[in-house]
Amino acid sequence: SIKIGEKILITSDDITINKEIKFLCNFSNYILLKSETSKIPFS
C-alpha cells in the first residue's frame, strides 16, 4: 500500500522477524535503511 520512495518504520517483538526482513529486502523492491535489534521491540 505504500508508494515508491516512501519509508516505513516497523516495530516488532517477534524474534524471527530480523531474518525475514533481511530476506524480504534482498529479494524484493525494498531497501533496509536502518535496523535496531539490540532490544525488544526491534525496529
Full PDB file with SEQRES, HELIX, SHEET, SSBOND, CRYST1, ORIGX, SCALE, CONECT and MASTER records, all heavy atoms in Angstrom:
SEQRES   1 A   43  SER ILE LYS ILE GLY GLU LYS ILE LEU ILE THR SER ASP          
SEQRES   2 A   43  ASP ILE THR ILE ASN LYS GLU ILE LYS PHE LEU CYS ASN          
SEQRES   3 A   43  PHE SER ASN TYR ILE LEU LEU LYS SER GLU THR SER LYS          
SEQRES   4 A   43  ILE PRO PHE SER                                              
HELIX    1 AA1 ILE A   17  ASN A   26  1                                  10    
CRYST1    1.000    1.000    1.000  90.00  90.00  90.00 P 1           1          
ORIGX1      1.000000  0.000000  0.000000        0.00000                         
ORIGX2      0.000000  1.000000  0.000000        0.00000                         
ORIGX3      0.000000  0.000000  1.000000        0.00000                         
SCALE1      1.000000  0.000000  0.000000        0.00000                         
SCALE2      0.000000  1.000000  0.000000        0.00000                         
SCALE3      0.000000  0.000000  1.000000        0.00000                         
ATOM      1  N   SER A   1       0.798  -1.227   0.000  1.00  0.00           N  
ATOM      2  CA  SER A   1       0.000   0.000   0.000  1.00  0.00           C  
ATOM      3  C   SER A   1       0.834   1.282   0.000  1.00  0.00           C  
ATOM      4  O   SER A   1       0.278   2.349  -0.195  1.00  0.00           O  
ATOM      5  CB  SER A   1      -0.947   0.012   1.204  1.00  0.00           C  
ATOM      6  OG  SER A   1      -0.225   0.201   2.405  1.00  0.00           O  
ATOM      7  N   ILE A   2       2.142   1.174   0.214  1.00  0.00           N  
ATOM      8  CA  ILE A   2       2.940   2.403   0.230  1.00  0.00           C  
ATOM      9  C   ILE A   2       3.456   2.708  -1.176  1.00  0.00           C  
ATOM     10  O   ILE A   2       3.564   1.824  -2.022  1.00  0.00           O  
ATOM     11  CB  ILE A   2       4.098   2.343   1.250  1.00  0.00           C  
ATOM     12  CG1 ILE A   2       5.141   1.311   0.879  1.00  0.00           C  
ATOM     13  CG2 ILE A   2       3.566   2.116   2.646  1.00  0.00           C  
ATOM     14  CD1 ILE A   2       6.377   1.342   1.760  1.00  0.00           C  
ATOM     15  N   LYS A   3       3.764   3.967  -1.409  1.00  0.00           N  
ATOM     16  CA  LYS A   3       4.202   4.429  -2.723  1.00  0.00           C  
ATOM     17  C   LYS A   3       5.721   4.315  -2.855  1.00  0.00           C  
ATOM     18  O   LYS A   3       6.438   4.269  -1.851  1.00  0.00           O  
ATOM     19  CB  LYS A   3       3.783   5.884  -2.930  1.00  0.00           C  
ATOM     20  CG  LYS A   3       2.292   6.071  -2.933  1.00  0.00           C  
ATOM     21  CD  LYS A   3       1.928   7.524  -3.046  1.00  0.00           C  
ATOM     22  CE  LYS A   3       0.423   7.689  -2.949  1.00  0.00           C  
ATOM     23  NZ  LYS A   3       0.030   9.070  -2.861  1.00  0.00           N  
ATOM     24  N   ILE A   4       6.193   4.314  -4.092  1.00  0.00           N  
ATOM     25  CA  ILE A   4       7.629   4.284  -4.361  1.00  0.00           C  
ATOM     26  C   ILE A   4       8.283   5.498  -3.715  1.00  0.00           C  
ATOM     27  O   ILE A   4       7.788   6.616  -3.817  1.00  0.00           O  
ATOM     28  CB  ILE A   4       7.890   4.271  -5.878  1.00  0.00           C  
ATOM     29  CG1 ILE A   4       7.360   2.973  -6.482  1.00  0.00           C  
ATOM     30  CG2 ILE A   4       9.379   4.431  -6.177  1.00  0.00           C  
ATOM     31  CD1 ILE A   4       7.384   2.930  -7.986  1.00  0.00           C  
ATOM     32  N   GLY A   5       9.388   5.257  -3.021  1.00  0.00           N  
ATOM     33  CA  GLY A   5      10.114   6.324  -2.341  1.00  0.00           C  
ATOM     34  C   GLY A   5       9.700   6.532  -0.896  1.00  0.00           C  
ATOM     35  O   GLY A   5      10.407   7.195  -0.146  1.00  0.00           O  
ATOM     36  N   GLU A   6       8.565   5.995  -0.508  1.00  0.00           N  
ATOM     37  CA  GLU A   6       8.118   6.133   0.873  1.00  0.00           C  
ATOM     38  C   GLU A   6       8.895   5.207   1.791  1.00  0.00           C  
ATOM     39  O   GLU A   6       9.356   4.140   1.381  1.00  0.00           O  
ATOM     40  CB  GLU A   6       6.629   5.811   1.010  1.00  0.00           C  
ATOM     41  CG  GLU A   6       5.722   6.928   0.599  1.00  0.00           C  
ATOM     42  CD  GLU A   6       4.266   6.634   0.928  1.00  0.00           C  
ATOM     43  OE1 GLU A   6       3.804   5.517   0.670  1.00  0.00           O  
ATOM     44  OE2 GLU A   6       3.617   7.553   1.456  1.00  0.00           O  
ATOM     45  N   LYS A   7       8.989   5.624   3.031  1.00  0.00           N  
ATOM     46  CA  LYS A   7       9.651   4.831   4.062  1.00  0.00           C  
ATOM     47  C   LYS A   7       8.612   4.359   5.064  1.00  0.00           C  
ATOM     48  O   LYS A   7       7.580   5.005   5.245  1.00  0.00           O  
ATOM     49  CB  LYS A   7      10.690   5.671   4.795  1.00  0.00           C  
ATOM     50  CG  LYS A   7      11.810   6.154   3.925  1.00  0.00           C  
ATOM     51  CD  LYS A   7      12.723   7.053   4.710  1.00  0.00           C  
ATOM     52  CE  LYS A   7      13.710   7.737   3.800  1.00  0.00           C  
ATOM     53  NZ  LYS A   7      14.496   8.728   4.542  1.00  0.00           N  
ATOM     54  N   ILE A   8       8.923   3.240   5.705  1.00  0.00           N  
ATOM     55  CA  ILE A   8       8.046   2.712   6.736  1.00  0.00           C  
ATOM     56  C   ILE A   8       8.899   2.265   7.914  1.00  0.00           C  
ATOM     57  O   ILE A   8       9.946   1.648   7.729  1.00  0.00           O  
ATOM     58  CB  ILE A   8       7.164   1.567   6.199  1.00  0.00           C  
ATOM     59  CG1 ILE A   8       6.169   1.089   7.258  1.00  0.00           C  
ATOM     60  CG2 ILE A   8       7.985   0.421   5.669  1.00  0.00           C  
ATOM     61  CD1 ILE A   8       5.096   0.171   6.729  1.00  0.00           C  
ATOM     62  N   LEU A   9       8.472   2.628   9.105  1.00  0.00           N  
ATOM     63  CA  LEU A   9       9.123   2.196  10.343  1.00  0.00           C  
ATOM     64  C   LEU A   9       8.318   1.043  10.894  1.00  0.00           C  
ATOM     65  O   LEU A   9       7.124   1.176  11.141  1.00  0.00           O  
ATOM     66  CB  LEU A   9       9.185   3.338  11.355  1.00  0.00           C  
ATOM     67  CG  LEU A   9       9.695   2.961  12.742  1.00  0.00           C  
ATOM     68  CD1 LEU A   9      11.158   2.523  12.681  1.00  0.00           C  
ATOM     69  CD2 LEU A   9       9.525   4.106  13.704  1.00  0.00           C  
ATOM     70  N   ILE A  10       8.968  -0.099  11.063  1.00  0.00           N  
ATOM     71  CA  ILE A  10       8.315  -1.311  11.542  1.00  0.00           C  
ATOM     72  C   ILE A  10       8.826  -1.620  12.930  1.00  0.00           C  
ATOM     73  O   ILE A  10      10.043  -1.591  13.166  1.00  0.00           O  
ATOM     74  CB  ILE A  10       8.627  -2.490  10.607  1.00  0.00           C  
ATOM     75  CG1 ILE A  10       8.162  -2.172   9.191  1.00  0.00           C  
ATOM     76  CG2 ILE A  10       8.020  -3.778  11.118  1.00  0.00           C  
ATOM     77  CD1 ILE A  10       8.947  -2.856   8.134  1.00  0.00           C  
ATOM     78  N   THR A  11       7.921  -1.913  13.849  1.00  0.00           N  
ATOM     79  CA  THR A  11       8.317  -2.370  15.176  1.00  0.00           C  
ATOM     80  C   THR A  11       7.703  -3.735  15.418  1.00  0.00           C  
ATOM     81  O   THR A  11       6.562  -3.987  15.030  1.00  0.00           O  
ATOM     82  CB  THR A  11       7.871  -1.399  16.287  1.00  0.00           C  
ATOM     83  OG1 THR A  11       6.459  -1.288  16.267  1.00  0.00           O  
ATOM     84  CG2 THR A  11       8.504  -0.029  16.117  1.00  0.00           C  
ATOM     85  N   SER A  12       8.491  -4.628  16.048  1.00  0.00           N  
ATOM     86  CA  SER A  12       8.007  -5.975  16.311  1.00  0.00           C  
ATOM     87  C   SER A  12       8.781  -6.581  17.469  1.00  0.00           C  
ATOM     88  O   SER A  12       9.962  -6.290  17.667  1.00  0.00           O  
ATOM     89  CB  SER A  12       8.189  -6.847  15.064  1.00  0.00           C  
ATOM     90  OG  SER A  12       7.798  -8.170  15.330  1.00  0.00           O  
ATOM     91  N   ASP A  13       8.092  -7.444  18.212  1.00  0.00           N  
ATOM     92  CA  ASP A  13       8.761  -8.182  19.282  1.00  0.00           C  
ATOM     93  C   ASP A  13       8.975  -9.648  18.902  1.00  0.00           C  
ATOM     94  O   ASP A  13       9.355 -10.465  19.724  1.00  0.00           O  
ATOM     95  CB  ASP A  13       7.979  -8.072  20.586  1.00  0.00           C  
ATOM     96  CG  ASP A  13       6.538  -8.529  20.468  1.00  0.00           C  
ATOM     97  OD1 ASP A  13       6.108  -8.893  19.357  1.00  0.00           O  
ATOM     98  OD2 ASP A  13       5.834  -8.505  21.478  1.00  0.00           O  
ATOM     99  N   ASP A  14       8.752  -9.982  17.635  1.00  0.00           N  
ATOM    100  CA  ASP A  14       8.951 -11.338  17.122  1.00  0.00           C  
ATOM    101  C   ASP A  14      10.437 -11.551  16.832  1.00  0.00           C  
ATOM    102  O   ASP A  14      11.029 -10.813  16.040  1.00  0.00           O  
ATOM    103  CB  ASP A  14       8.132 -11.534  15.849  1.00  0.00           C  
ATOM    104  CG  ASP A  14       8.220 -12.938  15.272  1.00  0.00           C  
ATOM    105  OD1 ASP A  14       8.865 -13.803  15.892  1.00  0.00           O  
ATOM    106  OD2 ASP A  14       7.637 -13.158  14.199  1.00  0.00           O  
ATOM    107  N   ILE A  15      11.046 -12.541  17.457  1.00  0.00           N  
ATOM    108  CA  ILE A  15      12.489 -12.744  17.301  1.00  0.00           C  
ATOM    109  C   ILE A  15      12.876 -13.264  15.916  1.00  0.00           C  
ATOM    110  O   ILE A  15      14.027 -13.153  15.526  1.00  0.00           O  
ATOM    111  CB  ILE A  15      13.041 -13.693  18.389  1.00  0.00           C  
ATOM    112  CG1 ILE A  15      12.355 -15.054  18.329  1.00  0.00           C  
ATOM    113  CG2 ILE A  15      12.919 -13.070  19.765  1.00  0.00           C  
ATOM    114  CD1 ILE A  15      12.964 -16.095  19.246  1.00  0.00           C  
ATOM    115  N   THR A  16      11.938 -13.781  15.155  1.00  0.00           N  
ATOM    116  CA  THR A  16      12.255 -14.286  13.815  1.00  0.00           C  
ATOM    117  C   THR A  16      12.195 -13.214  12.734  1.00  0.00           C  
ATOM    118  O   THR A  16      12.627 -13.448  11.608  1.00  0.00           O  
ATOM    119  CB  THR A  16      11.296 -15.420  13.417  1.00  0.00           C  
ATOM    120  OG1 THR A  16       9.968 -14.916  13.351  1.00  0.00           O  
ATOM    121  CG2 THR A  16      11.369 -16.569  14.407  1.00  0.00           C  
ATOM    122  N   ILE A  17      11.709 -12.036  13.061  1.00  0.00           N  
ATOM    123  CA  ILE A  17      11.489 -11.016  12.032  1.00  0.00           C  
ATOM    124  C   ILE A  17      12.798 -10.470  11.454  1.00  0.00           C  
ATOM    125  O   ILE A  17      12.840 -10.071  10.297  1.00  0.00           O  
ATOM    126  CB  ILE A  17      10.584  -9.871  12.535  1.00  0.00           C  
ATOM    127  CG1 ILE A  17      10.048  -9.080  11.350  1.00  0.00           C  
ATOM    128  CG2 ILE A  17      11.314  -8.981  13.521  1.00  0.00           C  
ATOM    129  CD1 ILE A  17       8.917  -8.153  11.656  1.00  0.00           C  
ATOM    130  N   ASN A  18      13.865 -10.471  12.212  1.00  0.00           N  
ATOM    131  CA  ASN A  18      15.135  -9.957  11.705  1.00  0.00           C  
ATOM    132  C   ASN A  18      15.555 -10.702  10.440  1.00  0.00           C  
ATOM    133  O   ASN A  18      15.884 -10.083   9.421  1.00  0.00           O  
ATOM    134  CB  ASN A  18      16.223 -10.058  12.783  1.00  0.00           C  
ATOM    135  CG  ASN A  18      17.503  -9.382  12.367  1.00  0.00           C  
ATOM    136  OD1 ASN A  18      17.487  -8.329  11.752  1.00  0.00           O  
ATOM    137  ND2 ASN A  18      18.611  -9.996  12.702  1.00  0.00           N  
ATOM    138  N   LYS A  19      15.543 -11.991  10.490  1.00  0.00           N  
ATOM    139  CA  LYS A  19      15.905 -12.812   9.331  1.00  0.00           C  
ATOM    140  C   LYS A  19      14.912 -12.608   8.188  1.00  0.00           C  
ATOM    141  O   LYS A  19      15.306 -12.492   7.021  1.00  0.00           O  
ATOM    142  CB  LYS A  19      15.935 -14.279   9.743  1.00  0.00           C  
ATOM    143  CG  LYS A  19      16.307 -15.227   8.658  1.00  0.00           C  
ATOM    144  CD  LYS A  19      16.311 -16.644   9.180  1.00  0.00           C  
ATOM    145  CE  LYS A  19      16.521 -17.643   8.070  1.00  0.00           C  
ATOM    146  NZ  LYS A  19      16.432 -19.018   8.547  1.00  0.00           N  
ATOM    147  N   GLU A  20      13.641 -12.541   8.505  1.00  0.00           N  
ATOM    148  CA  GLU A  20      12.601 -12.398   7.487  1.00  0.00           C  
ATOM    149  C   GLU A  20      12.670 -11.053   6.771  1.00  0.00           C  
ATOM    150  O   GLU A  20      12.487 -10.979   5.558  1.00  0.00           O  
ATOM    151  CB  GLU A  20      11.216 -12.584   8.113  1.00  0.00           C  
ATOM    152  CG  GLU A  20      10.976 -13.967   8.655  1.00  0.00           C  
ATOM    153  CD  GLU A  20      10.939 -15.037   7.574  1.00  0.00           C  
ATOM    154  OE1 GLU A  20      10.515 -14.742   6.445  1.00  0.00           O  
ATOM    155  OE2 GLU A  20      11.329 -16.173   7.867  1.00  0.00           O  
ATOM    156  N   ILE A  21      12.935  -9.981   7.497  1.00  0.00           N  
ATOM    157  CA  ILE A  21      13.020  -8.656   6.871  1.00  0.00           C  
ATOM    158  C   ILE A  21      14.238  -8.572   5.962  1.00  0.00           C  
ATOM    159  O   ILE A  21      14.163  -8.025   4.864  1.00  0.00           O  
ATOM    160  CB  ILE A  21      13.011  -7.539   7.935  1.00  0.00           C  
ATOM    161  CG1 ILE A  21      11.588  -7.381   8.444  1.00  0.00           C  
ATOM    162  CG2 ILE A  21      13.546  -6.226   7.374  1.00  0.00           C  
ATOM    163  CD1 ILE A  21      11.329  -6.227   9.347  1.00  0.00           C  
ATOM    164  N   LYS A  22      15.354  -9.115   6.391  1.00  0.00           N  
ATOM    165  CA  LYS A  22      16.545  -9.122   5.530  1.00  0.00           C  
ATOM    166  C   LYS A  22      16.272  -9.902   4.249  1.00  0.00           C  
ATOM    167  O   LYS A  22      16.646  -9.479   3.157  1.00  0.00           O  
ATOM    168  CB  LYS A  22      17.730  -9.707   6.277  1.00  0.00           C  
ATOM    169  CG  LYS A  22      18.262  -8.776   7.338  1.00  0.00           C  
ATOM    170  CD  LYS A  22      19.418  -9.382   8.082  1.00  0.00           C  
ATOM    171  CE  LYS A  22      19.908  -8.441   9.170  1.00  0.00           C  
ATOM    172  NZ  LYS A  22      20.993  -9.038   9.955  1.00  0.00           N  
ATOM    173  N   PHE A  23      15.615 -11.048   4.367  1.00  0.00           N  
ATOM    174  CA  PHE A  23      15.264 -11.852   3.209  1.00  0.00           C  
ATOM    175  C   PHE A  23      14.318 -11.083   2.283  1.00  0.00           C  
ATOM    176  O   PHE A  23      14.509 -11.054   1.068  1.00  0.00           O  
ATOM    177  CB  PHE A  23      14.619 -13.166   3.667  1.00  0.00           C  
ATOM    178  CG  PHE A  23      14.286 -14.095   2.547  1.00  0.00           C  
ATOM    179  CD1 PHE A  23      15.272 -14.870   1.958  1.00  0.00           C  
ATOM    180  CD2 PHE A  23      12.982 -14.209   2.093  1.00  0.00           C  
ATOM    181  CE1 PHE A  23      14.960 -15.736   0.913  1.00  0.00           C  
ATOM    182  CE2 PHE A  23      12.663 -15.073   1.053  1.00  0.00           C  
ATOM    183  CZ  PHE A  23      13.657 -15.840   0.467  1.00  0.00           C  
ATOM    184  N   LEU A  24      13.312 -10.435   2.850  1.00  0.00           N  
ATOM    185  CA  LEU A  24      12.357  -9.651   2.078  1.00  0.00           C  
ATOM    186  C   LEU A  24      13.063  -8.552   1.288  1.00  0.00           C  
ATOM    187  O   LEU A  24      12.806  -8.368   0.097  1.00  0.00           O  
ATOM    188  CB  LEU A  24      11.304  -9.036   3.013  1.00  0.00           C  
ATOM    189  CG  LEU A  24      10.310  -8.075   2.373  1.00  0.00           C  
ATOM    190  CD1 LEU A  24       9.297  -8.837   1.534  1.00  0.00           C  
ATOM    191  CD2 LEU A  24       9.597  -7.270   3.439  1.00  0.00           C  
ATOM    192  N   CYS A  25      13.974  -7.839   1.930  1.00  0.00           N  
ATOM    193  CA  CYS A  25      14.672  -6.740   1.261  1.00  0.00           C  
ATOM    194  C   CYS A  25      15.653  -7.242   0.202  1.00  0.00           C  
ATOM    195  O   CYS A  25      15.853  -6.581  -0.813  1.00  0.00           O  
ATOM    196  CB  CYS A  25      15.384  -5.869   2.286  1.00  0.00           C  
ATOM    197  SG  CYS A  25      14.235  -4.924   3.307  1.00  0.00           S  
ATOM    198  N   ASN A  26      16.252  -8.392   0.417  1.00  0.00           N  
ATOM    199  CA  ASN A  26      17.190  -8.932  -0.564  1.00  0.00           C  
ATOM    200  C   ASN A  26      16.501  -9.391  -1.838  1.00  0.00           C  
ATOM    201  O   ASN A  26      17.099  -9.364  -2.911  1.00  0.00           O  
ATOM    202  CB  ASN A  26      17.992 -10.094   0.029  1.00  0.00           C  
ATOM    203  CG  ASN A  26      19.071  -9.631   0.964  1.00  0.00           C  
ATOM    204  OD1 ASN A  26      19.552  -8.522   0.875  1.00  0.00           O  
ATOM    205  ND2 ASN A  26      19.448 -10.491   1.890  1.00  0.00           N  
ATOM    206  N   PHE A  27      15.248  -9.813  -1.740  1.00  0.00           N  
ATOM    207  CA  PHE A  27      14.565 -10.391  -2.884  1.00  0.00           C  
ATOM    208  C   PHE A  27      13.331  -9.615  -3.329  1.00  0.00           C  
ATOM    209  O   PHE A  27      12.537 -10.132  -4.112  1.00  0.00           O  
ATOM    210  CB  PHE A  27      14.191 -11.853  -2.579  1.00  0.00           C  
ATOM    211  CG  PHE A  27      15.400 -12.717  -2.390  1.00  0.00           C  
ATOM    212  CD1 PHE A  27      15.819 -13.068  -1.123  1.00  0.00           C  
ATOM    213  CD2 PHE A  27      16.134 -13.142  -3.482  1.00  0.00           C  
ATOM    214  CE1 PHE A  27      16.952 -13.850  -0.942  1.00  0.00           C  
ATOM    215  CE2 PHE A  27      17.266 -13.928  -3.321  1.00  0.00           C  
ATOM    216  CZ  PHE A  27      17.673 -14.284  -2.048  1.00  0.00           C  
ATOM    217  N   SER A  28      13.179  -8.389  -2.864  1.00  0.00           N  
ATOM    218  CA  SER A  28      12.019  -7.579  -3.237  1.00  0.00           C  
ATOM    219  C   SER A  28      12.461  -6.162  -3.572  1.00  0.00           C  
ATOM    220  O   SER A  28      13.642  -5.876  -3.639  1.00  0.00           O  
ATOM    221  CB  SER A  28      11.000  -7.556  -2.098  1.00  0.00           C  
ATOM    222  OG  SER A  28      10.511  -8.846  -1.847  1.00  0.00           O  
ATOM    223  N   ASN A  29      11.504  -5.283  -3.718  1.00  0.00           N  
ATOM    224  CA  ASN A  29      11.765  -3.896  -4.122  1.00  0.00           C  
ATOM    225  C   ASN A  29      11.855  -2.950  -2.931  1.00  0.00           C  
ATOM    226  O   ASN A  29      11.289  -1.871  -2.948  1.00  0.00           O  
ATOM    227  CB  ASN A  29      10.656  -3.439  -5.073  1.00  0.00           C  
ATOM    228  CG  ASN A  29      10.588  -4.297  -6.302  1.00  0.00           C  
ATOM    229  OD1 ASN A  29      11.616  -4.683  -6.850  1.00  0.00           O  
ATOM    230  ND2 ASN A  29       9.392  -4.619  -6.730  1.00  0.00           N  
ATOM    231  N   TYR A  30      12.591  -3.382  -1.901  1.00  0.00           N  
ATOM    232  CA  TYR A  30      12.716  -2.585  -0.688  1.00  0.00           C  
ATOM    233  C   TYR A  30      14.174  -2.558  -0.257  1.00  0.00           C  
ATOM    234  O   TYR A  30      14.920  -3.494  -0.493  1.00  0.00           O  
ATOM    235  CB  TYR A  30      11.853  -3.167   0.438  1.00  0.00           C  
ATOM    236  CG  TYR A  30      10.427  -3.354   0.030  1.00  0.00           C  
ATOM    237  CD1 TYR A  30       9.960  -4.587  -0.403  1.00  0.00           C  
ATOM    238  CD2 TYR A  30       9.550  -2.281   0.036  1.00  0.00           C  
ATOM    239  CE1 TYR A  30       8.648  -4.752  -0.809  1.00  0.00           C  
ATOM    240  CE2 TYR A  30       8.236  -2.440  -0.368  1.00  0.00           C  
ATOM    241  CZ  TYR A  30       7.795  -3.677  -0.798  1.00  0.00           C  
ATOM    242  OH  TYR A  30       6.507  -3.829  -1.208  1.00  0.00           O  
ATOM    243  N   ILE A  31      14.560  -1.472   0.402  1.00  0.00           N  
ATOM    244  CA  ILE A  31      15.899  -1.337   0.962  1.00  0.00           C  
ATOM    245  C   ILE A  31      15.762  -1.199   2.473  1.00  0.00           C  
ATOM    246  O   ILE A  31      14.960  -0.398   2.955  1.00  0.00           O  
ATOM    247  CB  ILE A  31      16.622  -0.090   0.415  1.00  0.00           C  
ATOM    248  CG1 ILE A  31      16.835  -0.201  -1.086  1.00  0.00           C  
ATOM    249  CG2 ILE A  31      17.951   0.127   1.118  1.00  0.00           C  
ATOM    250  CD1 ILE A  31      17.438   1.049  -1.704  1.00  0.00           C  
ATOM    251  N   LEU A  32      16.545  -1.971   3.201  1.00  0.00           N  
ATOM    252  CA  LEU A  32      16.596  -1.844   4.659  1.00  0.00           C  
ATOM    253  C   LEU A  32      17.540  -0.697   4.973  1.00  0.00           C  
ATOM    254  O   LEU A  32      18.745  -0.789   4.761  1.00  0.00           O  
ATOM    255  CB  LEU A  32      17.081  -3.147   5.287  1.00  0.00           C  
ATOM    256  CG  LEU A  32      17.194  -3.167   6.808  1.00  0.00           C  
ATOM    257  CD1 LEU A  32      15.845  -2.888   7.464  1.00  0.00           C  
ATOM    258  CD2 LEU A  32      17.753  -4.493   7.273  1.00  0.00           C  
ATOM    259  N   LEU A  33      16.991   0.419   5.437  1.00  0.00           N  
ATOM    260  CA  LEU A  33      17.784   1.609   5.715  1.00  0.00           C  
ATOM    261  C   LEU A  33      18.408   1.575   7.108  1.00  0.00           C  
ATOM    262  O   LEU A  33      19.526   2.051   7.301  1.00  0.00           O  
ATOM    263  CB  LEU A  33      16.918   2.866   5.584  1.00  0.00           C  
ATOM    264  CG  LEU A  33      16.307   3.120   4.209  1.00  0.00           C  
ATOM    265  CD1 LEU A  33      15.347   4.293   4.283  1.00  0.00           C  
ATOM    266  CD2 LEU A  33      17.400   3.361   3.179  1.00  0.00           C  
ATOM    267  N   LYS A  34      17.661   1.050   8.062  1.00  0.00           N  
ATOM    268  CA  LYS A  34      18.118   1.069   9.447  1.00  0.00           C  
ATOM    269  C   LYS A  34      17.455  -0.061  10.212  1.00  0.00           C  
ATOM    270  O   LYS A  34      16.291  -0.373   9.976  1.00  0.00           O  
ATOM    271  CB  LYS A  34      17.755   2.415  10.082  1.00  0.00           C  
ATOM    272  CG  LYS A  34      18.244   2.610  11.476  1.00  0.00           C  
ATOM    273  CD  LYS A  34      17.859   3.985  11.995  1.00  0.00           C  
ATOM    274  CE  LYS A  34      18.281   4.151  13.432  1.00  0.00           C  
ATOM    275  NZ  LYS A  34      17.867   5.433  13.981  1.00  0.00           N  
ATOM    276  N   SER A  35      18.216  -0.676  11.108  1.00  0.00           N  
ATOM    277  CA  SER A  35      17.621  -1.686  11.985  1.00  0.00           C  
ATOM    278  C   SER A  35      18.176  -1.515  13.389  1.00  0.00           C  
ATOM    279  O   SER A  35      19.349  -1.190  13.568  1.00  0.00           O  
ATOM    280  CB  SER A  35      17.895  -3.098  11.462  1.00  0.00           C  
ATOM    281  OG  SER A  35      19.261  -3.391  11.489  1.00  0.00           O  
ATOM    282  N   GLU A  36      17.327  -1.721  14.356  1.00  0.00           N  
ATOM    283  CA  GLU A  36      17.697  -1.662  15.774  1.00  0.00           C  
ATOM    284  C   GLU A  36      17.249  -2.978  16.395  1.00  0.00           C  
ATOM    285  O   GLU A  36      16.054  -3.189  16.625  1.00  0.00           O  
ATOM    286  CB  GLU A  36      17.027  -0.477  16.454  1.00  0.00           C  
ATOM    287  CG  GLU A  36      17.272  -0.393  17.936  1.00  0.00           C  
ATOM    288  CD  GLU A  36      18.742  -0.328  18.308  1.00  0.00           C  
ATOM    289  OE1 GLU A  36      19.457   0.535  17.780  1.00  0.00           O  
ATOM    290  OE2 GLU A  36      19.176  -1.156  19.128  1.00  0.00           O  
ATOM    291  N   THR A  37      18.210  -3.868  16.630  1.00  0.00           N  
ATOM    292  CA  THR A  37      17.884  -5.203  17.134  1.00  0.00           C  
ATOM    293  C   THR A  37      18.537  -5.499  18.472  1.00  0.00           C  
ATOM    294  O   THR A  37      18.590  -6.651  18.882  1.00  0.00           O  
ATOM    295  CB  THR A  37      18.295  -6.271  16.102  1.00  0.00           C  
ATOM    296  OG1 THR A  37      19.696  -6.147  15.837  1.00  0.00           O  
ATOM    297  CG2 THR A  37      17.512  -6.132  14.813  1.00  0.00           C  
ATOM    298  N   SER A  38      19.024  -4.484  19.156  1.00  0.00           N  
ATOM    299  CA  SER A  38      19.694  -4.706  20.433  1.00  0.00           C  
ATOM    300  C   SER A  38      18.705  -4.873  21.596  1.00  0.00           C  
ATOM    301  O   SER A  38      19.080  -5.369  22.648  1.00  0.00           O  
ATOM    302  CB  SER A  38      20.668  -3.575  20.736  1.00  0.00           C  
ATOM    303  OG  SER A  38      19.994  -2.346  20.827  1.00  0.00           O  
ATOM    304  N   LYS A  39      17.462  -4.441  21.396  1.00  0.00           N  
ATOM    305  CA  LYS A  39      16.460  -4.579  22.452  1.00  0.00           C  
ATOM    306  C   LYS A  39      15.086  -4.765  21.826  1.00  0.00           C  
ATOM    307  O   LYS A  39      14.852  -4.382  20.684  1.00  0.00           O  
ATOM    308  CB  LYS A  39      16.464  -3.366  23.378  1.00  0.00           C  
ATOM    309  CG  LYS A  39      16.165  -2.067  22.684  1.00  0.00           C  
ATOM    310  CD  LYS A  39      16.225  -0.878  23.603  1.00  0.00           C  
ATOM    311  CE  LYS A  39      16.127   0.362  22.748  1.00  0.00           C  
ATOM    312  NZ  LYS A  39      15.197   1.310  23.167  1.00  0.00           N  
ATOM    313  N   ILE A  40      14.210  -5.366  22.591  1.00  0.00           N  
ATOM    314  CA  ILE A  40      12.833  -5.587  22.147  1.00  0.00           C  
ATOM    315  C   ILE A  40      11.986  -4.403  22.588  1.00  0.00           C  
ATOM    316  O   ILE A  40      12.119  -3.965  23.720  1.00  0.00           O  
ATOM    317  CB  ILE A  40      12.288  -6.906  22.730  1.00  0.00           C  
ATOM    318  CG1 ILE A  40      13.089  -8.071  22.172  1.00  0.00           C  
ATOM    319  CG2 ILE A  40      10.811  -7.078  22.438  1.00  0.00           C  
ATOM    320  CD1 ILE A  40      12.731  -9.417  22.742  1.00  0.00           C  
ATOM    321  N   PRO A  41      11.130  -3.844  21.761  1.00  0.00           N  
ATOM    322  CA  PRO A  41      10.794  -4.264  20.409  1.00  0.00           C  
ATOM    323  C   PRO A  41      11.869  -3.845  19.403  1.00  0.00           C  
ATOM    324  O   PRO A  41      12.487  -2.791  19.544  1.00  0.00           O  
ATOM    325  CB  PRO A  41       9.475  -3.562  20.117  1.00  0.00           C  
ATOM    326  CG  PRO A  41       9.519  -2.322  20.958  1.00  0.00           C  
ATOM    327  CD  PRO A  41      10.307  -2.714  22.192  1.00  0.00           C  
ATOM    328  N   PHE A  42      12.069  -4.690  18.411  1.00  0.00           N  
ATOM    329  CA  PHE A  42      13.005  -4.396  17.336  1.00  0.00           C  
ATOM    330  C   PHE A  42      12.374  -3.351  16.421  1.00  0.00           C  
ATOM    331  O   PHE A  42      11.150  -3.265  16.320  1.00  0.00           O  
ATOM    332  CB  PHE A  42      13.307  -5.659  16.530  1.00  0.00           C  
ATOM    333  CG  PHE A  42      13.734  -6.825  17.374  1.00  0.00           C  
ATOM    334  CD1 PHE A  42      13.000  -7.987  17.396  1.00  0.00           C  
ATOM    335  CD2 PHE A  42      14.876  -6.751  18.159  1.00  0.00           C  
ATOM    336  CE1 PHE A  42      13.391  -9.074  18.166  1.00  0.00           C  
ATOM    337  CE2 PHE A  42      15.279  -7.824  18.935  1.00  0.00           C  
ATOM    338  CZ  PHE A  42      14.534  -8.987  18.940  1.00  0.00           C  
ATOM    339  N   SER A  43      13.212  -2.570  15.753  1.00  0.00           N  
ATOM    340  CA  SER A  43      12.671  -1.599  14.803  1.00  0.00           C  
ATOM    341  C   SER A  43      13.493  -1.624  13.518  1.00  0.00           C  
ATOM    342  O   SER A  43      14.709  -1.845  13.538  1.00  0.00           O  
ATOM    343  CB  SER A  43      12.649  -0.192  15.399  1.00  0.00           C  
ATOM    344  OG  SER A  43      13.945   0.271  15.640  1.00  0.00           O  
TER     345      SER A  43                                                      
MASTER        0    0    0    1    0    0    0    6  344    1    0    4          
END                                                                             
